[in-house]
PDB file of N, CA and C in Angstrom:
ATOM      1  N   UNK A   1      48.981 141.137  48.978  1.00  0.00           N
ATOM      2  CA  UNK A   1      49.196 139.822  49.521  1.00  0.00           C
ATOM      3  C   UNK A   1      49.395 139.787  50.854  1.00  0.00           C
ATOM      4  N   UNK A   2      50.270 140.741  51.357  1.00  0.00           N
ATOM      5  CA  UNK A   2      50.825 140.917  52.731  1.00  0.00           C
ATOM      6  C   UNK A   2      49.744 141.132  53.559  1.00  0.00           C
ATOM      7  N   UNK A   3      48.590 141.836  53.162  1.00  0.00           N
ATOM      8  CA  UNK A   3      47.228 142.103  53.862  1.00  0.00           C
ATOM      9  C   UNK A   3      46.452 140.848  54.056  1.00  0.00           C
ATOM     10  N   UNK A   4      46.509 139.985  53.144  1.00  0.00           N
ATOM     11  CA  UNK A   4      45.875 138.659  53.036  1.00  0.00           C
ATOM     12  C   UNK A   4      46.541 137.723  54.253  1.00  0.00           C
ATOM     13  N   UNK A   5      47.726 137.753  54.116  1.00  0.00           N
ATOM     14  CA  UNK A   5      48.617 136.949  55.059  1.00  0.00           C
ATOM     15  C   UNK A   5      48.376 137.479  56.487  1.00  0.00           C
ATOM     16  N   UNK A   6      48.351 138.740  56.628  1.00  0.00           N
ATOM     17  CA  UNK A   6      48.245 139.436  58.085  1.00  0.00           C
ATOM     18  C   UNK A   6      46.836 139.078  58.606  1.00  0.00           C
ATOM     19  N   UNK A   7      45.827 139.247  57.687  1.00  0.00           N
ATOM     20  CA  UNK A   7      44.551 138.794  58.171  1.00  0.00           C
ATOM     21  C   UNK A   7      44.509 137.335  58.544  1.00  0.00           C
ATOM     22  N   UNK A   8      45.091 136.442  57.792  1.00  0.00           N
ATOM     23  CA  UNK A   8      44.857 134.946  58.113  1.00  0.00           C
ATOM     24  C   UNK A   8      45.624 134.813  59.421  1.00  0.00           C
ATOM     25  N   UNK A   9      46.836 135.481  59.762  1.00  0.00           N
ATOM     26  CA  UNK A   9      47.675 135.162  60.838  1.00  0.00           C
ATOM     27  C   UNK A   9      46.845 135.803  61.986  1.00  0.00           C
ATOM     28  N   UNK A  10      46.095 136.746  61.899  1.00  0.00           N
ATOM     29  CA  UNK A  10      45.420 137.606  62.910  1.00  0.00           C
ATOM     30  C   UNK A  10      44.135 136.613  63.474  1.00  0.00           C
ATOM     31  N   UNK A  11      43.463 136.100  62.409  1.00  0.00           N
ATOM     32  CA  UNK A  11      42.472 135.084  62.631  1.00  0.00           C
ATOM     33  C   UNK A  11      42.906 133.744  63.440  1.00  0.00           C
ATOM     34  N   UNK A  12      44.188 133.360  62.932  1.00  0.00           N
ATOM     35  CA  UNK A  12      44.659 132.239  63.460  1.00  0.00           C
ATOM     36  C   UNK A  12      45.043 132.308  64.928  1.00  0.00           C
ATOM     37  N   UNK A  13      45.514 133.497  65.328  1.00  0.00           N
ATOM     38  CA  UNK A  13      45.905 133.927  66.542  1.00  0.00           C
ATOM     39  C   UNK A  13      44.508 133.949  67.480  1.00  0.00           C
ATOM     40  N   UNK A  14      43.442 134.515  66.940  1.00  0.00           N
ATOM     41  CA  UNK A  14      42.240 134.777  67.748  1.00  0.00           C
ATOM     42  C   UNK A  14      41.754 133.349  67.795  1.00  0.00           C
ATOM     43  N   UNK A  15      41.738 132.568  66.902  1.00  0.00           N
ATOM     44  CA  UNK A  15      41.145 131.132  67.214  1.00  0.00           C
ATOM     45  C   UNK A  15      41.957 130.300  68.108  1.00  0.00           C
ATOM     46  N   UNK A  16      43.213 130.438  68.100  1.00  0.00           N
ATOM     47  CA  UNK A  16      44.216 129.852  69.349  1.00  0.00           C
ATOM     48  C   UNK A  16      43.706 130.352  70.546  1.00  0.00           C
ATOM     49  N   UNK A  17      43.437 131.611  70.622  1.00  0.00           N
ATOM     50  CA  UNK A  17      43.362 132.387  71.978  1.00  0.00           C
ATOM     51  C   UNK A  17      41.881 131.781  72.601  1.00  0.00           C
ATOM     52  N   UNK A  18      41.016 131.784  71.545  1.00  0.00           N
ATOM     53  CA  UNK A  18      39.605 131.119  72.088  1.00  0.00           C
ATOM     54  C   UNK A  18      39.687 129.825  72.511  1.00  0.00           C
ATOM     55  N   UNK A  19      40.571 128.952  71.772  1.00  0.00           N
ATOM     56  CA  UNK A  19      40.612 127.484  72.317  1.00  0.00           C
ATOM     57  C   UNK A  19      41.362 127.490  73.614  1.00  0.00           C
ATOM     58  N   UNK A  20      42.228 128.342  73.931  1.00  0.00           N
ATOM     59  CA  UNK A  20      42.873 128.301  75.279  1.00  0.00           C
ATOM     60  C   UNK A  20      41.930 128.899  76.320  1.00  0.00           C
ATOM     61  N   UNK A  21      41.166 129.856  75.900  1.00  0.00           N
ATOM     62  CA  UNK A  21      40.035 130.291  76.897  1.00  0.00           C
ATOM     63  C   UNK A  21      39.115 129.167  77.405  1.00  0.00           C
ATOM     64  N   UNK A  22      38.686 128.353  76.374  1.00  0.00           N
ATOM     65  CA  UNK A  22      37.832 127.299  76.594  1.00  0.00           C
ATOM     66  C   UNK A  22      38.433 126.339  77.451  1.00  0.00           C
ATOM     67  N   UNK A  23      39.762 126.015  77.197  1.00  0.00           N
ATOM     68  CA  UNK A  23      40.397 124.916  77.959  1.00  0.00           C
ATOM     69  C   UNK A  23      40.582 125.464  79.395  1.00  0.00           C
ATOM     70  N   UNK A  24      40.894 126.727  79.611  1.00  0.00           N
ATOM     71  CA  UNK A  24      41.003 127.286  80.931  1.00  0.00           C
ATOM     72  C   UNK A  24      39.771 127.271  81.660  1.00  0.00           C
ATOM     73  N   UNK A  25      38.747 127.532  81.055  1.00  0.00           N
ATOM     74  CA  UNK A  25      37.356 127.439  81.611  1.00  0.00           C
ATOM     75  C   UNK A  25      36.911 126.214  81.998  1.00  0.00           C
ATOM     76  N   UNK A  26      37.284 125.030  81.314  1.00  0.00           N
ATOM     77  CA  UNK A  26      36.962 123.812  81.598  1.00  0.00           C
ATOM     78  C   UNK A  26      37.866 123.344  82.747  1.00  0.00           C
ATOM     79  N   UNK A  27      39.170 123.806  82.855  1.00  0.00           N
ATOM     80  CA  UNK A  27      39.890 123.345  83.904  1.00  0.00           C
ATOM     81  C   UNK A  27      39.355 124.107  85.328  1.00  0.00           C
ATOM     82  N   UNK A  28      38.941 125.186  85.296  1.00  0.00           N
ATOM     83  CA  UNK A  28      38.458 126.013  86.284  1.00  0.00           C
ATOM     84  C   UNK A  28      37.201 125.190  86.818  1.00  0.00           C
ATOM     85  N   UNK A  29      36.309 124.871  85.969  1.00  0.00           N
ATOM     86  CA  UNK A  29      35.074 124.089  86.073  1.00  0.00           C
ATOM     87  C   UNK A  29      35.379 122.746  86.896  1.00  0.00           C
ATOM     88  N   UNK A  30      36.389 121.960  86.353  1.00  0.00           N
ATOM     89  CA  UNK A  30      36.857 120.804  86.987  1.00  0.00           C
ATOM     90  C   UNK A  30      37.431 120.909  88.502  1.00  0.00           C
ATOM     91  N   UNK A  31      38.012 122.077  88.653  1.00  0.00           N
ATOM     92  CA  UNK A  31      38.527 122.340  90.049  1.00  0.00           C
ATOM     93  C   UNK A  31      37.389 122.746  90.870  1.00  0.00           C
ATOM     94  N   UNK A  32      36.444 123.536  90.435  1.00  0.00           N
ATOM     95  CA  UNK A  32      35.350 123.713  91.290  1.00  0.00           C
ATOM     96  C   UNK A  32      34.401 122.646  91.631  1.00  0.00           C
ATOM     97  N   UNK A  33      34.141 121.712  90.602  1.00  0.00           N
ATOM     98  CA  UNK A  33      33.562 120.563  90.961  1.00  0.00           C
ATOM     99  C   UNK A  33      34.293 119.708  92.024  1.00  0.00           C
ATOM    100  N   UNK A  34      35.484 119.503  91.921  1.00  0.00           N
ATOM    101  CA  UNK A  34      36.398 118.911  92.978  1.00  0.00           C
ATOM    102  C   UNK A  34      36.155 119.327  94.186  1.00  0.00           C
ATOM    103  N   UNK A  35      36.087 120.727  94.231  1.00  0.00           N
ATOM    104  CA  UNK A  35      36.146 121.497  95.499  1.00  0.00           C
ATOM    105  C   UNK A  35      34.750 121.275  96.224  1.00  0.00           C
ATOM    106  N   UNK A  36      33.647 121.309  95.379  1.00  0.00           N
ATOM    107  CA  UNK A  36      32.351 121.018  95.926  1.00  0.00           C
ATOM    108  C   UNK A  36      32.067 119.739  96.323  1.00  0.00           C
ATOM    109  N   UNK A  37      32.666 118.453  95.679  1.00  0.00           N
ATOM    110  CA  UNK A  37      32.586 117.396  96.077  1.00  0.00           C
ATOM    111  C   UNK A  37      33.377 117.182  97.399  1.00  0.00           C
ATOM    112  N   UNK A  38      34.415 117.592  97.520  1.00  0.00           N
ATOM    113  CA  UNK A  38      35.152 117.794  98.813  1.00  0.00           C
ATOM    114  C   UNK A  38      34.300 118.367  99.987  1.00  0.00           C
ATOM    115  N   UNK A  39      33.728 119.591  99.562  1.00  0.00           N
ATOM    116  CA  UNK A  39      32.905 120.176 100.619  1.00  0.00           C
ATOM    117  C   UNK A  39      31.700 119.229 100.999  1.00  0.00           C
ATOM    118  N   UNK A  40      30.994 118.579 100.120  1.00  0.00           N
ATOM    119  CA  UNK A  40      29.909 117.687 100.405  1.00  0.00           C
ATOM    120  C   UNK A  40      30.403 116.546 101.379  1.00  0.00           C
ATOM    121  N   UNK A  41      31.514 115.919 100.940  1.00  0.00           N
ATOM    122  CA  UNK A  41      31.952 114.783 101.721  1.00  0.00           C
ATOM    123  C   UNK A  41      32.393 115.157 103.086  1.00  0.00           C
ATOM    124  N   UNK A  42      33.128 116.540 103.120  1.00  0.00           N
ATOM    125  CA  UNK A  42      33.492 117.007 104.537  1.00  0.00           C
ATOM    126  C   UNK A  42      32.115 117.102 105.372  1.00  0.00           C
ATOM    127  N   UNK A  43      31.117 117.654 104.756  1.00  0.00           N
ATOM    128  CA  UNK A  43      29.928 117.981 105.443  1.00  0.00           C
ATOM    129  C   UNK A  43      29.377 116.623 106.106  1.00  0.00           C
ATOM    130  N   UNK A  44      29.235 115.473 105.275  1.00  0.00           N
ATOM    131  CA  UNK A  44      28.770 114.258 105.864  1.00  0.00           C
ATOM    132  C   UNK A  44      29.536 113.921 106.769  1.00  0.00           C
ATOM    133  N   UNK A  45      30.966 113.995 106.794  1.00  0.00           N
ATOM    134  CA  UNK A  45      31.776 113.651 107.999  1.00  0.00           C
ATOM    135  C   UNK A  45      31.556 114.534 109.147  1.00  0.00           C
ATOM    136  N   UNK A  46      31.330 115.760 109.173  1.00  0.00           N
ATOM    137  CA  UNK A  46      30.965 116.541 110.146  1.00  0.00           C
ATOM    138  C   UNK A  46      29.748 116.197 110.787  1.00  0.00           C
ATOM    139  N   UNK A  47      28.574 115.972 110.028  1.00  0.00           N
ATOM    140  CA  UNK A  47      27.363 115.473 110.642  1.00  0.00           C
ATOM    141  C   UNK A  47      27.546 114.176 111.204  1.00  0.00           C
ATOM    142  N   UNK A  48      28.249 113.208 110.771  1.00  0.00           N
ATOM    143  CA  UNK A  48      28.324 112.018 111.460  1.00  0.00           C
ATOM    144  C   UNK A  48      29.026 112.013 112.647  1.00  0.00           C
ATOM    145  N   UNK A  49      29.907 113.042 112.851  1.00  0.00           N
ATOM    146  CA  UNK A  49      30.710 113.243 114.202  1.00  0.00           C
ATOM    147  C   UNK A  49      29.900 114.107 115.020  1.00  0.00           C
ATOM    148  N   UNK A  50      28.662 114.703 114.777  1.00  0.00           N
ATOM    149  CA  UNK A  50      27.928 115.484 115.568  1.00  0.00           C
ATOM    150  C   UNK A  50      28.208 116.795 115.393  1.00  0.00           C
ATOM    151  N   UNK A  51      28.947 117.433 114.690  1.00  0.00           N
ATOM    152  CA  UNK A  51      29.444 118.774 114.425  1.00  0.00           C
ATOM    153  C   UNK A  51      28.530 119.503 113.452  1.00  0.00           C
ATOM    154  N   UNK A  52      27.237 119.568 113.891  1.00  0.00           N
ATOM    155  CA  UNK A  52      26.516 120.061 112.821  1.00  0.00           C
ATOM    156  C   UNK A  52      26.508 121.390 112.373  1.00  0.00           C
ATOM    157  N   UNK A  53      26.967 122.294 113.130  1.00  0.00           N
ATOM    158  CA  UNK A  53      27.281 123.751 112.648  1.00  0.00           C
ATOM    159  C   UNK A  53      28.380 123.657 111.545  1.00  0.00           C
ATOM    160  N   UNK A  54      29.379 122.898 111.522  1.00  0.00           N
ATOM    161  CA  UNK A  54      30.387 122.825 110.491  1.00  0.00           C
ATOM    162  C   UNK A  54      29.871 122.092 109.348  1.00  0.00           C
ATOM    163  N   UNK A  55      28.964 121.280 109.400  1.00  0.00           N
ATOM    164  CA  UNK A  55      28.342 120.570 108.322  1.00  0.00           C
ATOM    165  C   UNK A  55      27.215 121.655 107.680  1.00  0.00           C
ATOM    166  N   UNK A  56      26.510 122.268 108.369  1.00  0.00           N
ATOM    167  CA  UNK A  56      25.735 123.296 108.090  1.00  0.00           C
ATOM    168  C   UNK A  56      26.485 124.442 107.142  1.00  0.00           C
ATOM    169  N   UNK A  57      27.610 124.967 107.810  1.00  0.00           N
ATOM    170  CA  UNK A  57      28.441 125.883 107.154  1.00  0.00           C
ATOM    171  C   UNK A  57      28.781 125.562 105.588  1.00  0.00           C
ATOM    172  N   UNK A  58      29.272 124.158 105.545  1.00  0.00           N
ATOM    173  CA  UNK A  58      29.881 123.865 104.327  1.00  0.00           C
ATOM    174  C   UNK A  58      28.628 123.551 103.442  1.00  0.00           C
ATOM    175  N   UNK A  59      27.445 123.280 103.687  1.00  0.00           N
ATOM    176  CA  UNK A  59      26.377 122.939 102.986  1.00  0.00           C
ATOM    177  C   UNK A  59      25.823 124.271 102.541  1.00  0.00           C
ATOM    178  N   UNK A  60      25.826 125.440 103.348  1.00  0.00           N
ATOM    179  CA  UNK A  60      25.626 126.764 102.884  1.00  0.00           C
ATOM    180  C   UNK A  60      26.495 127.254 101.656  1.00  0.00           C
ATOM    181  N   UNK A  61      27.851 126.876 101.840  1.00  0.00           N
ATOM    182  CA  UNK A  61      28.812 127.478 100.819  1.00  0.00           C
ATOM    183  C   UNK A  61      28.454 126.684  99.643  1.00  0.00           C
ATOM    184  N   UNK A  62      27.918 125.427  99.681  1.00  0.00           N
ATOM    185  CA  UNK A  62      27.711 124.704  98.353  1.00  0.00           C
ATOM    186  C   UNK A  62      26.311 125.444  97.775  1.00  0.00           C
ATOM    187  N   UNK A  63      25.359 125.804  98.655  1.00  0.00           N
ATOM    188  CA  UNK A  63      24.166 126.248  98.014  1.00  0.00           C
ATOM    189  C   UNK A  63      24.354 127.669  97.491  1.00  0.00           C
ATOM    190  N   UNK A  64      25.385 128.380  98.046  1.00  0.00           N
ATOM    191  CA  UNK A  64      25.700 129.655  97.400  1.00  0.00           C
ATOM    192  C   UNK A  64      26.428 129.423  96.109  1.00  0.00           C
ATOM    193  N   UNK A  65      27.283 128.452  96.003  1.00  0.00           N
ATOM    194  CA  UNK A  65      27.863 128.183  94.650  1.00  0.00           C
ATOM    195  C   UNK A  65      27.112 127.766  93.573  1.00  0.00           C
ATOM    196  N   UNK A  66      26.215 126.916  93.924  1.00  0.00           N
ATOM    197  CA  UNK A  66      25.233 126.104  92.891  1.00  0.00           C
ATOM    198  C   UNK A  66      23.768 126.386  93.403  1.00  0.00           C
ATOM    199  N   UNK A  67      23.136 127.585  93.320  1.00  0.00           N
ATOM    200  CA  UNK A  67      21.978 127.707  93.815  1.00  0.00           C
ATOM    201  C   UNK A  67      20.985 126.881  92.945  1.00  0.00           C
ATOM    202  N   UNK A  68      21.007 126.794  91.712  1.00  0.00           N
ATOM    203  CA  UNK A  68      19.963 125.955  90.823  1.00  0.00           C
ATOM    204  C   UNK A  68      19.956 124.552  91.127  1.00  0.00           C
ATOM    205  N   UNK A  69      21.071 124.237  91.659  1.00  0.00           N
ATOM    206  CA  UNK A  69      21.359 122.552  92.114  1.00  0.00           C
ATOM    207  C   UNK A  69      20.359 122.339  93.334  1.00  0.00           C
ATOM    208  N   UNK A  70      20.157 123.086  94.045  1.00  0.00           N
ATOM    209  CA  UNK A  70      19.456 122.813  95.314  1.00  0.00           C
ATOM    210  C   UNK A  70      17.877 123.481  95.528  1.00  0.00           C
ATOM    211  N   UNK A  71      17.514 123.750  94.346  1.00  0.00           N
ATOM    212  CA  UNK A  71      16.259 124.176  94.448  1.00  0.00           C
ATOM    213  C   UNK A  71      15.017 123.142  94.360  1.00  0.00           C
TER     214      UNK A  71
END
């Protein structure tokens, strides 16, 4: 009976850990999307102000982060 309880406890802990991993991954993705949006808006402001090199730098960072999005 102790082995069965230990197995159930272990599986419960592993399941909980996987839920935590998914939550952390989702949070990281949200932060990255926010950062990418911020870079894009900043690039537009730089371009409008005539600072094309800064706009270009930000856009290159975005393309490196998400190459499939800009193909």
